[in-house]
């Protein structure tokens, strides 16, 4: 039972770690796939929303620099 719970908690945290590393390198495309109604699900959705906003802001900045 403890192994199952640890794995259930570790997997989404590992996905978030990978996503934050990608964002730190300037890659705003990762969309984490973890659906849950608990705090980890909310954190994952917030992360995805943040990366979408960062990607949109970068595209807008690029568009203004070109034009």
N, C-alpha and C. Protein backbone atom coordinates (compact mmCIF):
# COMPACT_ATOMS: atom_id res chain seq x y z
N UNK A 1 0.82 -1.19 0.00
CA UNK A 1 0.00 0.00 0.00
C UNK A 1 0.87 1.26 0.00
N UNK A 2 1.91 1.27 0.83
CA UNK A 2 2.80 2.43 0.90
C UNK A 2 3.49 2.67 -0.44
N UNK A 3 3.91 1.58 -1.11
CA UNK A 3 4.56 1.70 -2.41
C UNK A 3 3.60 2.31 -3.43
N UNK A 4 2.37 1.88 -3.42
CA UNK A 4 1.37 2.41 -4.34
C UNK A 4 1.16 3.92 -4.12
N UNK A 5 1.02 4.32 -2.86
CA UNK A 5 0.82 5.73 -2.55
C UNK A 5 2.03 6.57 -2.92
N UNK A 6 3.21 6.06 -2.67
CA UNK A 6 4.43 6.79 -3.03
C UNK A 6 4.52 6.96 -4.54
N UNK A 7 4.20 5.91 -5.28
CA UNK A 7 4.25 5.99 -6.73
C UNK A 7 3.19 6.96 -7.25
N UNK A 8 2.03 6.96 -6.65
CA UNK A 8 0.95 7.86 -7.06
C UNK A 8 1.33 9.32 -6.84
N UNK A 9 2.08 9.61 -5.82
CA UNK A 9 2.53 10.97 -5.55
C UNK A 9 3.76 11.34 -6.38
N UNK A 10 4.64 10.40 -6.56
CA UNK A 10 5.91 10.68 -7.24
C UNK A 10 5.74 10.94 -8.73
N UNK A 11 4.86 10.23 -9.39
CA UNK A 11 4.71 10.35 -10.85
C UNK A 11 4.33 11.78 -11.27
N UNK A 12 3.29 12.39 -10.70
CA UNK A 12 2.96 13.75 -11.12
C UNK A 12 4.04 14.77 -10.74
N UNK A 13 4.70 14.55 -9.62
CA UNK A 13 5.78 15.46 -9.24
C UNK A 13 6.95 15.35 -10.20
N UNK A 14 7.23 14.16 -10.67
CA UNK A 14 8.28 13.96 -11.67
C UNK A 14 7.91 14.68 -12.97
N UNK A 15 6.65 14.59 -13.40
CA UNK A 15 6.20 15.30 -14.59
C UNK A 15 6.37 16.81 -14.43
N UNK A 16 6.02 17.33 -13.27
CA UNK A 16 6.17 18.76 -13.03
C UNK A 16 7.65 19.16 -13.03
N UNK A 17 8.49 18.32 -12.49
CA UNK A 17 9.93 18.59 -12.51
C UNK A 17 10.45 18.67 -13.93
N UNK A 18 10.07 17.72 -14.76
CA UNK A 18 10.48 17.74 -16.16
C UNK A 18 9.95 18.99 -16.87
N UNK A 19 8.71 19.33 -16.59
CA UNK A 19 8.11 20.51 -17.22
C UNK A 19 8.80 21.79 -16.82
N UNK A 20 9.13 21.94 -15.54
CA UNK A 20 9.80 23.16 -15.09
C UNK A 20 11.20 23.25 -15.68
N UNK A 21 11.88 22.12 -15.84
CA UNK A 21 13.20 22.14 -16.46
C UNK A 21 13.11 22.57 -17.92
N UNK A 22 12.10 22.12 -18.63
CA UNK A 22 11.90 22.52 -20.02
C UNK A 22 11.62 24.01 -20.11
N UNK A 23 10.77 24.53 -19.23
CA UNK A 23 10.45 25.95 -19.23
C UNK A 23 11.70 26.77 -18.91
N UNK A 24 12.51 26.30 -17.98
CA UNK A 24 13.74 27.01 -17.62
C UNK A 24 14.69 27.11 -18.81
N UNK A 25 14.59 26.16 -19.74
CA UNK A 25 15.43 26.17 -20.94
C UNK A 25 14.76 26.92 -22.09
N UNK A 26 13.60 27.51 -21.84
CA UNK A 26 12.92 28.30 -22.85
C UNK A 26 11.90 27.56 -23.68
N UNK A 27 11.62 26.32 -23.33
CA UNK A 27 10.63 25.52 -24.05
C UNK A 27 9.30 25.60 -23.31
N UNK A 28 8.37 26.39 -23.86
CA UNK A 28 7.07 26.58 -23.21
C UNK A 28 6.00 25.65 -23.76
N UNK A 29 6.39 24.68 -24.56
CA UNK A 29 5.41 23.80 -25.18
C UNK A 29 4.94 22.63 -24.33
N UNK A 30 5.67 22.20 -23.30
CA UNK A 30 5.20 21.02 -22.57
C UNK A 30 3.81 21.22 -21.99
N UNK A 31 2.97 20.24 -22.22
CA UNK A 31 1.64 20.22 -21.61
C UNK A 31 1.57 18.93 -20.81
N UNK A 32 1.53 19.08 -19.52
CA UNK A 32 1.52 17.92 -18.65
C UNK A 32 0.16 17.24 -18.70
N UNK A 33 0.18 15.94 -18.77
CA UNK A 33 -1.05 15.16 -18.80
C UNK A 33 -1.17 14.43 -17.47
N UNK A 34 -1.94 15.00 -16.58
CA UNK A 34 -2.22 14.38 -15.30
C UNK A 34 -3.56 14.92 -14.85
N UNK A 35 -4.56 14.10 -14.93
CA UNK A 35 -5.90 14.51 -14.57
C UNK A 35 -6.26 13.98 -13.19
N UNK A 36 -6.57 14.89 -12.31
CA UNK A 36 -6.93 14.51 -10.96
C UNK A 36 -7.72 15.65 -10.33
N UNK A 37 -8.57 15.35 -9.40
CA UNK A 37 -9.37 16.36 -8.73
C UNK A 37 -8.72 16.84 -7.43
N UNK A 38 -7.49 16.41 -7.16
CA UNK A 38 -6.84 16.81 -5.92
C UNK A 38 -5.87 17.97 -6.17
N UNK A 39 -5.04 18.25 -5.18
CA UNK A 39 -4.11 19.37 -5.26
C UNK A 39 -3.10 19.20 -6.38
N UNK A 40 -2.64 17.99 -6.62
CA UNK A 40 -1.69 17.75 -7.70
C UNK A 40 -2.31 18.02 -9.06
N UNK A 41 -3.56 17.67 -9.22
CA UNK A 41 -4.26 17.98 -10.46
C UNK A 41 -4.40 19.47 -10.67
N UNK A 42 -4.70 20.19 -9.59
CA UNK A 42 -4.80 21.65 -9.67
C UNK A 42 -3.46 22.28 -9.98
N UNK A 43 -2.40 21.77 -9.38
CA UNK A 43 -1.06 22.28 -9.64
C UNK A 43 -0.66 22.04 -11.08
N UNK A 44 -0.99 20.88 -11.61
CA UNK A 44 -0.68 20.56 -12.99
C UNK A 44 -1.44 21.49 -13.94
N UNK A 45 -2.70 21.73 -13.68
CA UNK A 45 -3.48 22.63 -14.52
C UNK A 45 -2.93 24.05 -14.46
N UNK A 46 -2.53 24.49 -13.27
CA UNK A 46 -1.94 25.82 -13.14
C UNK A 46 -0.63 25.92 -13.91
N UNK A 47 0.17 24.86 -13.87
CA UNK A 47 1.42 24.84 -14.62
C UNK A 47 1.14 24.95 -16.12
N UNK A 48 0.18 24.19 -16.60
CA UNK A 48 -0.17 24.24 -18.02
C UNK A 48 -0.67 25.63 -18.42
N UNK A 49 -1.46 26.25 -17.58
CA UNK A 49 -1.96 27.60 -17.86
C UNK A 49 -0.79 28.58 -17.90
N UNK A 50 0.14 28.45 -16.97
CA UNK A 50 1.30 29.33 -16.94
C UNK A 50 2.14 29.18 -18.21
N UNK A 51 2.38 27.94 -18.64
CA UNK A 51 3.20 27.76 -19.85
C UNK A 51 2.48 28.28 -21.09
N UNK A 52 1.16 28.15 -21.15
CA UNK A 52 0.41 28.73 -22.28
C UNK A 52 0.57 30.25 -22.29
N UNK A 53 0.45 30.88 -21.14
CA UNK A 53 0.58 32.33 -21.06
C UNK A 53 2.00 32.78 -21.43
N UNK A 54 3.00 32.06 -20.97
CA UNK A 54 4.37 32.40 -21.32
C UNK A 54 4.61 32.25 -22.81
N UNK A 55 4.08 31.20 -23.40
CA UNK A 55 4.23 30.97 -24.83
C UNK A 55 3.55 32.09 -25.62
N UNK A 56 2.34 32.46 -25.21
CA UNK A 56 1.63 33.55 -25.88
C UNK A 56 2.40 34.87 -25.76
N UNK A 57 2.94 35.15 -24.59
CA UNK A 57 3.70 36.39 -24.39
C UNK A 57 4.96 36.40 -25.25
N UNK A 58 5.62 35.25 -25.34
CA UNK A 58 6.82 35.17 -26.18
C UNK A 58 6.46 35.37 -27.64
N UNK A 59 5.38 34.76 -28.09
CA UNK A 59 4.95 34.94 -29.49
C UNK A 59 4.59 36.40 -29.78
N UNK A 60 3.91 37.03 -28.85
CA UNK A 60 3.54 38.43 -29.02
C UNK A 60 4.79 39.32 -29.08
N UNK A 61 5.75 39.05 -28.23
CA UNK A 61 7.01 39.80 -28.25
C UNK A 61 7.74 39.61 -29.56
N UNK A 62 7.81 38.37 -30.02
CA UNK A 62 8.46 38.08 -31.30
C UNK A 62 7.75 38.79 -32.46
N UNK A 63 6.45 38.80 -32.41
CA UNK A 63 5.67 39.45 -33.47
C UNK A 63 5.96 40.96 -33.53
N UNK A 64 6.10 41.58 -32.37
CA UNK A 64 6.37 43.02 -32.33
C UNK A 64 7.81 43.34 -32.74
N UNK A 65 8.72 42.43 -32.47
CA UNK A 65 10.11 42.66 -32.86
C UNK A 65 10.29 42.53 -34.37
N UNK A 66 9.53 41.65 -34.99
CA UNK A 66 9.64 41.44 -36.43
C UNK A 66 9.01 42.61 -37.17
N UNK A 67 7.87 43.07 -36.68
CA UNK A 67 7.10 44.10 -37.36
C UNK A 67 7.63 45.44 -37.08
